[in-house]
C-alpha atoms as a PDB file:
ATOM      1  CA  MET A   1       6.424   0.903  19.117  1.00  0.00           C
ATOM      2  CA  GLU A   2       4.077   3.722  20.068  1.00  0.00           C
ATOM      3  CA  LEU A   3       1.633   5.679  17.930  1.00  0.00           C
ATOM      4  CA  TYR A   4       0.434   9.208  18.644  1.00  0.00           C
ATOM      5  CA  THR A   5      -2.264  11.275  16.968  1.00  0.00           C
ATOM      6  CA  ILE A   6      -0.914  14.635  15.803  1.00  0.00           C
ATOM      7  CA  ASP A   7      -3.708  17.116  15.122  1.00  0.00           C
ATOM      8  CA  THR A   8      -2.607  20.105  13.040  1.00  0.00           C
ATOM      9  CA  GLY A   9      -5.923  21.947  12.887  1.00  0.00           C
ATOM     10  CA  LEU A  10      -9.181  22.020  10.960  1.00  0.00           C
ATOM     11  CA  PHE A  11     -10.039  23.452   7.569  1.00  0.00           C
ATOM     12  CA  LYS A  12     -12.966  23.625   5.179  1.00  0.00           C
ATOM     13  CA  LEU A  13     -13.527  22.156   1.741  1.00  0.00           C
ATOM     14  CA  ASP A  14     -16.491  22.177  -0.594  1.00  0.00           C
ATOM     15  CA  GLY A  15     -18.869  19.372   0.318  1.00  0.00           C
ATOM     16  CA  GLY A  16     -19.634  18.488  -3.277  1.00  0.00           C
ATOM     17  CA  ALA A  17     -15.926  18.132  -4.040  1.00  0.00           C
ATOM     18  CA  MET A  18     -15.405  15.907  -1.020  1.00  0.00           C
ATOM     19  CA  PHE A  19     -18.356  13.610  -1.701  1.00  0.00           C
ATOM     20  CA  GLY A  20     -18.232  13.530  -5.495  1.00  0.00           C
ATOM     21  CA  VAL A  21     -21.327  12.121  -7.212  1.00  0.00           C
ATOM     22  CA  VAL A  22     -23.189  11.491  -3.939  1.00  0.00           C
ATOM     23  CA  PRO A  23     -26.145  13.926  -3.735  1.00  0.00           C
ATOM     24  CA  LYS A  24     -26.058  16.658  -1.123  1.00  0.00           C
ATOM     25  CA  THR A  25     -29.366  15.406   0.252  1.00  0.00           C
ATOM     26  CA  MET A  26     -27.401  12.344   1.419  1.00  0.00           C
ATOM     27  CA  TRP A  27     -23.992  13.711   2.499  1.00  0.00           C
ATOM     28  CA  GLN A  28     -25.483  16.745   4.233  1.00  0.00           C
ATOM     29  CA  LYS A  29     -26.768  14.389   6.934  1.00  0.00           C
ATOM     30  CA  LEU A  30     -23.220  13.141   7.576  1.00  0.00           C
ATOM     31  CA  ASN A  31     -21.120  16.310   7.596  1.00  0.00           C
ATOM     32  CA  PRO A  32     -23.438  19.329   7.363  1.00  0.00           C
ATOM     33  CA  ALA A  33     -22.274  22.237   5.228  1.00  0.00           C
ATOM     34  CA  GLY A  34     -22.853  25.927   5.826  1.00  0.00           C
ATOM     35  CA  GLU A  35     -24.552  28.288   3.407  1.00  0.00           C
ATOM     36  CA  ASP A  36     -21.313  28.424   1.404  1.00  0.00           C
ATOM     37  CA  ASN A  37     -21.438  24.622   0.943  1.00  0.00           C
ATOM     38  CA  MET A  38     -18.188  24.238   2.901  1.00  0.00           C
ATOM     39  CA  CYS A  39     -17.706  21.373   5.381  1.00  0.00           C
ATOM     40  CA  THR A  40     -15.172  21.102   8.199  1.00  0.00           C
ATOM     41  CA  TRP A  41     -12.405  18.496   7.932  1.00  0.00           C
ATOM     42  CA  ALA A  42      -9.437  17.524  10.067  1.00  0.00           C
ATOM     43  CA  MET A  43      -5.755  17.513   9.172  1.00  0.00           C
ATOM     44  CA  ARG A  44      -4.821  14.606  11.430  1.00  0.00           C
ATOM     45  CA  CYS A  45      -1.315  13.196  11.207  1.00  0.00           C
ATOM     46  CA  LEU A  46       0.370  10.230  12.864  1.00  0.00           C
ATOM     47  CA  LEU A  47       3.619   9.962  14.814  1.00  0.00           C
ATOM     48  CA  VAL A  48       5.333   6.565  14.899  1.00  0.00           C
ATOM     49  CA  GLN A  49       7.902   6.020  17.650  1.00  0.00           C
ATOM     50  CA  GLU A  50      10.080   2.991  17.017  1.00  0.00           C
ATOM     51  CA  GLY A  51      13.373   2.691  18.907  1.00  0.00           C
ATOM     52  CA  ASN A  52      15.314   5.905  18.368  1.00  0.00           C
ATOM     53  CA  ARG A  53      13.208   6.936  15.371  1.00  0.00           C
ATOM     54  CA  LEU A  54      10.280   9.354  15.382  1.00  0.00           C
ATOM     55  CA  VAL A  55       8.474   9.142  12.041  1.00  0.00           C
ATOM     56  CA  LEU A  56       5.855  11.794  11.340  1.00  0.00           C
ATOM     57  CA  ILE A  57       3.331  10.798   8.662  1.00  0.00           C
ATOM     58  CA  ASP A  58       2.147  13.960   6.871  1.00  0.00           C
ATOM     59  CA  ASN A  59       2.135  17.382   8.542  1.00  0.00           C
ATOM     60  CA  GLY A  60      -0.902  19.475   7.552  1.00  0.00           C
ATOM     61  CA  MET A  61      -0.927  22.699   5.525  1.00  0.00           C
ATOM     62  CA  GLY A  62       1.566  24.702   7.565  1.00  0.00           C
ATOM     63  CA  SER A  63       1.400  28.431   8.238  1.00  0.00           C
ATOM     64  CA  LYS A  64       3.571  30.100   5.592  1.00  0.00           C
ATOM     65  CA  GLN A  65       0.918  30.832   2.945  1.00  0.00           C
ATOM     66  CA  ASP A  66      -0.616  34.275   2.602  1.00  0.00           C
ATOM     67  CA  ALA A  67      -4.024  35.463   3.784  1.00  0.00           C
ATOM     68  CA  LYS A  68      -5.568  35.091   0.336  1.00  0.00           C
ATOM     69  CA  PHE A  69      -4.629  31.415   0.201  1.00  0.00           C
ATOM     70  CA  PHE A  70      -5.971  30.693   3.680  1.00  0.00           C
ATOM     71  CA  SER A  71      -9.219  32.551   2.885  1.00  0.00           C
ATOM     72  CA  HIS A  72     -10.133  29.718   0.520  1.00  0.00           C
ATOM     73  CA  TYR A  73      -9.761  27.018   3.200  1.00  0.00           C
ATOM     74  CA  TYR A  74     -10.729  28.680   6.511  1.00  0.00           C
ATOM     75  CA  PRO A  75      -8.103  27.066   8.779  1.00  0.00           C
ATOM     76  CA  HIS A  76      -9.393  27.054  12.346  1.00  0.00           C
ATOM     77  CA  GLY A  77      -9.263  25.244  15.683  1.00  0.00           C
ATOM     78  CA  ASP A  78      -6.844  25.314  18.614  1.00  0.00           C
ATOM     79  CA  ASP A  79      -4.514  22.538  17.437  1.00  0.00           C
ATOM     80  CA  THR A  80      -1.228  23.139  15.655  1.00  0.00           C
ATOM     81  CA  LEU A  81       1.538  20.798  14.595  1.00  0.00           C
ATOM     82  CA  GLU A  82       3.989  22.011  17.224  1.00  0.00           C
ATOM     83  CA  LYS A  83       1.400  22.083  20.026  1.00  0.00           C
ATOM     84  CA  SER A  84       0.379  18.513  19.251  1.00  0.00           C
ATOM     85  CA  LEU A  85       3.992  17.336  19.274  1.00  0.00           C
ATOM     86  CA  ASN A  86       4.576  19.152  22.568  1.00  0.00           C
ATOM     87  CA  ARG A  87       1.507  17.489  24.068  1.00  0.00           C
ATOM     88  CA  HIS A  88       3.277  14.141  23.684  1.00  0.00           C
ATOM     89  CA  GLY A  89       6.617  15.451  24.919  1.00  0.00           C
ATOM     90  CA  PHE A  90       8.264  16.093  21.534  1.00  0.00           C
ATOM     91  CA  THR A  91       9.375  19.032  19.393  1.00  0.00           C
ATOM     92  CA  SER A  92       9.969  19.380  15.678  1.00  0.00           C
ATOM     93  CA  ALA A  93      13.712  18.976  16.328  1.00  0.00           C
ATOM     94  CA  ASP A  94      13.069  15.448  17.660  1.00  0.00           C
ATOM     95  CA  ILE A  95      11.545  14.177  14.400  1.00  0.00           C
ATOM     96  CA  THR A  96      13.946  11.839  12.576  1.00  0.00           C
ATOM     97  CA  ASP A  97      11.767  11.098   9.539  1.00  0.00           C
ATOM     98  CA  VAL A  98       8.919  12.853   7.731  1.00  0.00           C
ATOM     99  CA  PHE A  99       6.907  10.463   5.568  1.00  0.00           C
ATOM    100  CA  LEU A 100       4.771  12.207   2.953  1.00  0.00           C
ATOM    101  CA  THR A 101       1.853  10.164   1.641  1.00  0.00           C
ATOM    102  CA  HIS A 102       1.608  12.649  -1.241  1.00  0.00           C
ATOM    103  CA  LEU A 103       2.463  16.268  -1.898  1.00  0.00           C
ATOM    104  CA  HIS A 104      -0.913  18.017  -1.900  1.00  0.00           C
ATOM    105  CA  PHE A 105      -0.683  21.143   0.253  1.00  0.00           C
ATOM    106  CA  ASP A 106      -2.871  19.888   3.113  1.00  0.00           C
ATOM    107  CA  HIS A 107      -0.563  16.897   3.601  1.00  0.00           C
ATOM    108  CA  CYS A 108       2.891  18.427   3.190  1.00  0.00           C
ATOM    109  CA  GLY A 109       2.564  22.179   3.789  1.00  0.00           C
ATOM    110  CA  GLY A 110       4.053  21.886   7.266  1.00  0.00           C
ATOM    111  CA  SER A 111       7.266  20.412   5.829  1.00  0.00           C
ATOM    112  CA  ILE A 112       8.744  23.812   5.024  1.00  0.00           C
ATOM    113  CA  LYS A 113       8.652  27.136   6.863  1.00  0.00           C
ATOM    114  CA  TRP A 114       9.981  30.648   6.446  1.00  0.00           C
ATOM    115  CA  ASN A 115      13.517  31.189   7.687  1.00  0.00           C
ATOM    116  CA  LYS A 116      14.118  33.609  10.544  1.00  0.00           C
ATOM    117  CA  ASP A 117      14.430  36.665   8.287  1.00  0.00           C
ATOM    118  CA  ARG A 118      11.576  35.584   5.986  1.00  0.00           C
ATOM    119  CA  THR A 119      13.960  35.804   3.055  1.00  0.00           C
ATOM    120  CA  GLY A 120      13.631  32.172   2.091  1.00  0.00           C
ATOM    121  CA  TYR A 121      12.497  28.727   3.204  1.00  0.00           C
ATOM    122  CA  GLU A 122      13.959  26.011   5.394  1.00  0.00           C
ATOM    123  CA  PRO A 123      12.855  22.554   6.610  1.00  0.00           C
ATOM    124  CA  THR A 124      10.545  22.639   9.612  1.00  0.00           C
ATOM    125  CA  PHE A 125      12.136  19.386  10.795  1.00  0.00           C
ATOM    126  CA  LYS A 126      15.830  20.244  10.633  1.00  0.00           C
ATOM    127  CA  ASN A 127      17.048  16.825  11.776  1.00  0.00           C
ATOM    128  CA  ALA A 128      14.690  14.723   9.666  1.00  0.00           C
ATOM    129  CA  THR A 129      14.895  12.763   6.450  1.00  0.00           C
ATOM    130  CA  TYR A 130      11.900  13.496   4.211  1.00  0.00           C
ATOM    131  CA  TRP A 131      10.470  10.528   2.294  1.00  0.00           C
ATOM    132  CA  SER A 132       8.595  10.601  -1.009  1.00  0.00           C
ATOM    133  CA  SER A 133       8.370   8.152  -3.924  1.00  0.00           C
ATOM    134  CA  PRO A 134      10.095   8.600  -7.307  1.00  0.00           C
ATOM    135  CA  ALA A 135       6.858   8.347  -9.301  1.00  0.00           C
ATOM    136  CA  HIS A 136       4.895  10.750  -7.130  1.00  0.00           C
ATOM    137  CA  TRP A 137       7.744  13.251  -6.843  1.00  0.00           C
ATOM    138  CA  GLN A 138       7.977  13.545 -10.630  1.00  0.00           C
ATOM    139  CA  TRP A 139       4.194  13.850 -10.844  1.00  0.00           C
ATOM    140  CA  ALA A 140       4.190  16.677  -8.295  1.00  0.00           C
ATOM    141  CA  VAL A 141       7.067  18.738  -9.688  1.00  0.00           C
ATOM    142  CA  ASN A 142       5.557  18.533 -13.188  1.00  0.00           C
ATOM    143  CA  PRO A 143       1.907  19.082 -12.222  1.00  0.00           C
ATOM    144  CA  ASN A 144      -1.016  18.582 -14.539  1.00  0.00           C
ATOM    145  CA  PRO A 145      -3.481  21.505 -14.833  1.00  0.00           C
ATOM    146  CA  ARG A 146      -6.099  19.697 -12.724  1.00  0.00           C
ATOM    147  CA  GLU A 147      -3.825  19.291  -9.692  1.00  0.00           C
ATOM    148  CA  ARG A 148      -1.568  22.326 -10.095  1.00  0.00           C
ATOM    149  CA  ALA A 149      -3.361  24.283  -7.351  1.00  0.00           C
ATOM    150  CA  SER A 150      -2.658  21.459  -4.869  1.00  0.00           C
ATOM    151  CA  PHE A 151       1.051  21.060  -5.679  1.00  0.00           C
ATOM    152  CA  LEU A 152       2.682  24.242  -4.385  1.00  0.00           C
ATOM    153  CA  LYS A 153       6.338  24.569  -5.359  1.00  0.00           C
ATOM    154  CA  GLU A 154       7.224  26.294  -2.068  1.00  0.00           C
ATOM    155  CA  ASN A 155       6.061  23.167  -0.208  1.00  0.00           C
ATOM    156  CA  ILE A 156       7.974  20.774  -2.419  1.00  0.00           C
ATOM    157  CA  LEU A 157      11.133  22.080  -4.080  1.00  0.00           C
ATOM    158  CA  PRO A 158      12.847  23.327  -0.861  1.00  0.00           C
ATOM    159  CA  ILE A 159      12.765  19.757   0.483  1.00  0.00           C
ATOM    160  CA  LYS A 160      15.092  18.584  -2.270  1.00  0.00           C
ATOM    161  CA  GLU A 161      17.155  21.779  -2.212  1.00  0.00           C
ATOM    162  CA  SER A 162      17.798  21.278   1.513  1.00  0.00           C
ATOM    163  CA  GLY A 163      19.363  17.856   0.898  1.00  0.00           C
ATOM    164  CA  HIS A 164      16.868  16.152   3.217  1.00  0.00           C
ATOM    165  CA  LEU A 165      14.948  14.218   0.553  1.00  0.00           C
ATOM    166  CA  LYS A 166      15.105  10.447   0.100  1.00  0.00           C
ATOM    167  CA  MET A 167      12.962   8.120  -1.975  1.00  0.00           C
ATOM    168  CA  VAL A 168      11.090   5.074  -0.739  1.00  0.00           C
ATOM    169  CA  GLU A 169      12.070   1.888  -2.521  1.00  0.00           C
ATOM    170  CA  GLY A 170       9.276  -0.611  -3.134  1.00  0.00           C
ATOM    171  CA  ASP A 171       7.183  -1.177  -0.040  1.00  0.00           C
ATOM    172  CA  GLY A 172       9.623   0.632   2.237  1.00  0.00           C
ATOM    173  CA  GLY A 173      10.734  -2.509   4.033  1.00  0.00           C
ATOM    174  CA  GLY A 174      14.111  -1.941   5.667  1.00  0.00           C
ATOM    175  CA  GLN A 175      13.806   1.832   5.285  1.00  0.00           C
ATOM    176  CA  LEU A 176      10.816   2.537   7.519  1.00  0.00           C
ATOM    177  CA  PRO A 177       9.123   0.941  10.544  1.00  0.00           C
ATOM    178  CA  PHE A 178       6.102   0.056   8.403  1.00  0.00           C
ATOM    179  CA  THR A 179       5.294  -1.096   4.899  1.00  0.00           C
ATOM    180  CA  VAL A 180       3.741   0.957   2.124  1.00  0.00           C
ATOM    181  CA  ILE A 181       0.724   0.299  -0.096  1.00  0.00           C
ATOM    182  CA  TYR A 182       0.520   2.394  -3.274  1.00  0.00           C
ATOM    183  CA  ALA A 183      -2.706   3.844  -4.644  1.00  0.00           C
ATOM    184  CA  ASN A 184      -3.103   5.669  -7.954  1.00  0.00           C
ATOM    185  CA  GLY A 185      -6.717   6.807  -8.020  1.00  0.00           C
ATOM    186  CA  HIS A 186      -6.457   9.989  -5.981  1.00  0.00           C
ATOM    187  CA  THR A 187      -3.085  10.978  -7.406  1.00  0.00           C
ATOM    188  CA  GLU A 188      -0.086   9.179  -8.860  1.00  0.00           C
ATOM    189  CA  ALA A 189       1.637   6.769  -6.438  1.00  0.00           C
ATOM    190  CA  MET A 190       0.116   7.956  -3.161  1.00  0.00           C
ATOM    191  CA  MET A 191       1.872   6.002  -0.379  1.00  0.00           C
ATOM    192  CA  LEU A 192      -0.261   4.545   2.406  1.00  0.00           C
ATOM    193  CA  PRO A 193       1.453   3.140   5.510  1.00  0.00           C
ATOM    194  CA  ARG A 194       0.408  -0.188   6.971  1.00  0.00           C
ATOM    195  CA  ILE A 195       1.693  -0.412  10.538  1.00  0.00           C
ATOM    196  CA  ILE A 196       1.662  -3.421  12.872  1.00  0.00           C
ATOM    197  CA  TYR A 197       0.903  -1.936  16.271  1.00  0.00           C
ATOM    198  CA  LYS A 198       0.484  -4.204  19.289  1.00  0.00           C
ATOM    199  CA  ASN A 199      -0.191  -7.108  16.900  1.00  0.00           C
ATOM    200  CA  THR A 200      -2.917  -5.132  15.144  1.00  0.00           C
ATOM    201  CA  PRO A 201      -2.649  -3.831  11.556  1.00  0.00           C
ATOM    202  CA  VAL A 202      -3.283  -0.079  11.366  1.00  0.00           C
ATOM    203  CA  PHE A 203      -3.762   1.559   7.962  1.00  0.00           C
ATOM    204  CA  PHE A 204      -3.116   5.272   7.484  1.00  0.00           C
ATOM    205  CA  CYS A 205      -5.852   6.178   5.020  1.00  0.00           C
ATOM    206  CA  ALA A 206      -4.646   9.564   3.710  1.00  0.00           C
ATOM    207  CA  ASP A 207      -6.977  10.431   0.812  1.00  0.00           C
ATOM    208  CA  LEU A 208      -8.085   6.931  -0.146  1.00  0.00           C
ATOM    209  CA  PHE A 209     -10.569   6.911   2.744  1.00  0.00           C
ATOM    210  CA  PRO A 210     -10.514  10.548   3.937  1.00  0.00           C
ATOM    211  CA  SER A 211     -13.261   9.827   6.463  1.00  0.00           C
ATOM    212  CA  ARG A 212     -15.401   6.979   7.774  1.00  0.00           C
ATOM    213  CA  TRP A 213     -18.088   7.952   5.248  1.00  0.00           C
ATOM    214  CA  HIS A 214     -15.725   7.324   2.331  1.00  0.00           C
ATOM    215  CA  ILE A 215     -15.647   3.624   3.210  1.00  0.00           C
ATOM    216  CA  SER A 216     -18.855   3.404   1.175  1.00  0.00           C
ATOM    217  CA  LEU A 217     -17.695   2.620  -2.374  1.00  0.00           C
ATOM    218  CA  PRO A 218     -19.564   5.391  -4.277  1.00  0.00           C
ATOM    219  CA  TYR A 219     -18.211   8.071  -1.915  1.00  0.00           C
ATOM    220  CA  ILE A 220     -15.207   9.181  -3.984  1.00  0.00           C
ATOM    221  CA  MET A 221     -13.844  12.710  -3.973  1.00  0.00           C
ATOM    222  CA  ALA A 222     -14.136  14.853  -7.083  1.00  0.00           C
ATOM    223  CA  TYR A 223     -10.461  15.688  -6.520  1.00  0.00           C
ATOM    224  CA  ASP A 224      -9.408  12.174  -7.574  1.00  0.00           C
ATOM    225  CA  VAL A 225      -7.687  12.046 -10.958  1.00  0.00           C
ATOM    226  CA  ARG A 226      -8.800   8.450 -11.627  1.00  0.00           C
ATOM    227  CA  PRO A 227     -12.069   7.862  -9.726  1.00  0.00           C
ATOM    228  CA  LEU A 228     -12.699   4.409 -11.202  1.00  0.00           C
ATOM    229  CA  GLU A 229      -9.222   3.358 -10.067  1.00  0.00           C
ATOM    230  CA  THR A 230     -10.084   4.634  -6.594  1.00  0.00           C
ATOM    231  CA  LEU A 231     -13.226   2.500  -6.687  1.00  0.00           C
ATOM    232  CA  LYS A 232     -11.198  -0.630  -7.469  1.00  0.00           C
ATOM    233  CA  GLU A 233      -8.585   0.176  -4.829  1.00  0.00           C
ATOM    234  CA  LYS A 234     -11.216   0.694  -2.158  1.00  0.00           C
ATOM    235  CA  GLU A 235     -13.091  -2.493  -2.979  1.00  0.00           C
ATOM    236  CA  THR A 236      -9.942  -4.643  -3.014  1.00  0.00           C
ATOM    237  CA  LEU A 237      -8.428  -3.230   0.159  1.00  0.00           C
ATOM    238  CA  LEU A 238     -11.650  -3.182   2.171  1.00  0.00           C
ATOM    239  CA  LYS A 239     -12.165  -6.921   1.661  1.00  0.00           C
ATOM    240  CA  LYS A 240      -8.546  -7.590   2.631  1.00  0.00           C
ATOM    241  CA  PHE A 241      -8.648  -5.269   5.637  1.00  0.00           C
ATOM    242  CA  CYS A 242     -11.912  -6.694   6.916  1.00  0.00           C
ATOM    243  CA  ASP A 243     -10.486 -10.227   6.794  1.00  0.00           C
ATOM    244  CA  GLU A 244      -7.273  -9.107   8.516  1.00  0.00           C
ATOM    245  CA  LYS A 245      -9.148  -7.021  11.125  1.00  0.00           C
ATOM    246  CA  THR A 246      -7.202  -3.939  10.098  1.00  0.00           C
ATOM    247  CA  ILE A 247      -7.956  -0.667  11.880  1.00  0.00           C
ATOM    248  CA  LEU A 248      -8.361   2.419   9.680  1.00  0.00           C
ATOM    249  CA  PHE A 249      -6.796   5.725  10.800  1.00  0.00           C
ATOM    250  CA  PHE A 250      -8.480   8.750   9.190  1.00  0.00           C
ATOM    251  CA  GLU A 251      -6.588  11.882   8.221  1.00  0.00           C
ATOM    252  CA  HIS A 252      -9.592  14.086   7.413  1.00  0.00           C
ATOM    253  CA  ASP A 253     -12.566  12.769   9.394  1.00  0.00           C
ATOM    254  CA  PRO A 254     -13.670  15.734  11.533  1.00  0.00           C
ATOM    255  CA  SER A 255     -14.314  13.649  14.654  1.00  0.00           C
ATOM    256  CA  ALA A 256     -13.407   9.973  14.162  1.00  0.00           C
ATOM    257  CA  GLU A 257      -9.744   8.989  14.476  1.00  0.00           C
ATOM    258  CA  CYS A 258     -10.079   5.242  13.889  1.00  0.00           C
ATOM    259  CA  ALA A 259     -12.628   2.674  12.800  1.00  0.00           C
ATOM    260  CA  SER A 260     -12.935  -1.089  12.734  1.00  0.00           C
ATOM    261  CA  LEU A 261     -14.630  -2.879   9.856  1.00  0.00           C
ATOM    262  CA  GLN A 262     -17.305  -5.503   9.452  1.00  0.00           C
ATOM    263  CA  LYS A 263     -19.184  -7.233   6.632  1.00  0.00           C
ATOM    264  CA  THR A 264     -22.928  -6.966   6.283  1.00  0.00           C
ATOM    265  CA  ASP A 265     -25.171  -9.903   5.425  1.00  0.00           C
ATOM    266  CA  LYS A 266     -24.892  -8.785   1.793  1.00  0.00           C
ATOM    267  CA  GLY A 267     -21.088  -8.941   1.913  1.00  0.00           C
ATOM    268  CA  THR A 268     -20.604  -5.177   1.878  1.00  0.00           C
ATOM    269  CA  VAL A 269     -17.809  -3.826   4.088  1.00  0.00           C
ATOM    270  CA  VAL A 270     -18.858  -1.017   6.432  1.00  0.00           C
ATOM    271  CA  TYR A 271     -17.337   0.529   9.523  1.00  0.00           C
ATOM    272  CA  ASP A 272     -18.277  -1.180  12.763  1.00  0.00           C
ATOM    273  CA  ARG A 273     -17.426   1.497  15.322  1.00  0.00           C
ATOM    274  CA  VAL A 274     -15.200   4.552  15.640  1.00  0.00           C
ATOM    275  CA  PHE A 275     -12.783   5.241  18.488  1.00  0.00           C
ATOM    276  CA  PRO A 276      -9.634   7.219  19.400  1.00  0.00           C
ATOM    277  CA  LEU A 277      -6.226   5.832  18.516  1.00  0.00           C
ATOM    278  CA  ALA A 278      -5.215   5.924  22.166  1.00  0.00           C
ATOM    279  CA  GLU A 279      -7.691   3.106  22.827  1.00  0.00           C
ATOM    280  CA  LEU A 280      -5.366   0.704  20.992  1.00  0.00           C
ATOM    281  CA  SER A 281      -2.493   1.508  23.343  1.00  0.00           C
ATOM    282  CA  GLY A 282      -4.560   1.412  26.514  1.00  0.00           C
ATOM    283  CA  ARG A 283      -4.085   5.143  27.133  1.00  0.00           C
ATOM    284  CA  VAL A 284      -7.873   5.517  27.050  1.00  0.00           C
ATOM    285  CA  LYS A 285     -10.077   3.111  28.970  1.00  0.00           C
END
């Protein structure tokens, strides 16, 4: 197995929304906001190569939305989905599976693109199976008012209409080259991959731990539909991951790809150090 970081670009979100009840006087020191209170975040995806399968976990926000939509999120940076795939010697046509942790636009927008004539939509990954979960799919196609702006029908419905959609059963064992942990605090049935890579557990954090700073228990996004559930999920998993020496892979941290964990003298789990994913494979010395 090989793992590759796939950077799809940067965007901005309101700092207060990202850090929830934590005061700005505290989070401003971690990820400084501009005068508009917007902070920069990554849209960092993961490519899993196992045998003849290339599984892409999430795919950023894509490029098919209009200028008004993008004006709210300030997409920027030199990285794109296709450029990042090319950097590792792959193209979108090589992807065999697209695993979607959840269907918020910044995680699945790259799934679908305009067709050649811009008369309709088609899968970006024409040879891939797209994976969701039954519970989350139903949640996304029947959105509640709070999340409706994050579940865009043009990102979601064409996946099923194309015939490329399959559903993960249980923990995904036998279907995927990793197992799945479900979390329900951020949104219903978000799927979080746990990958054994070179004998080391690697956890794709998605929006449970968007960044290294969200390892701290009170740091919970205002976007979460069940923040107290998120709190419980974080506390339970952090203790387990610290004991198992699991590495966290961050989707939204603006600069840190991975982090190891350690316990303080008080028993609190914090991040030990941050480092690039390539360090695990020996590609970076």
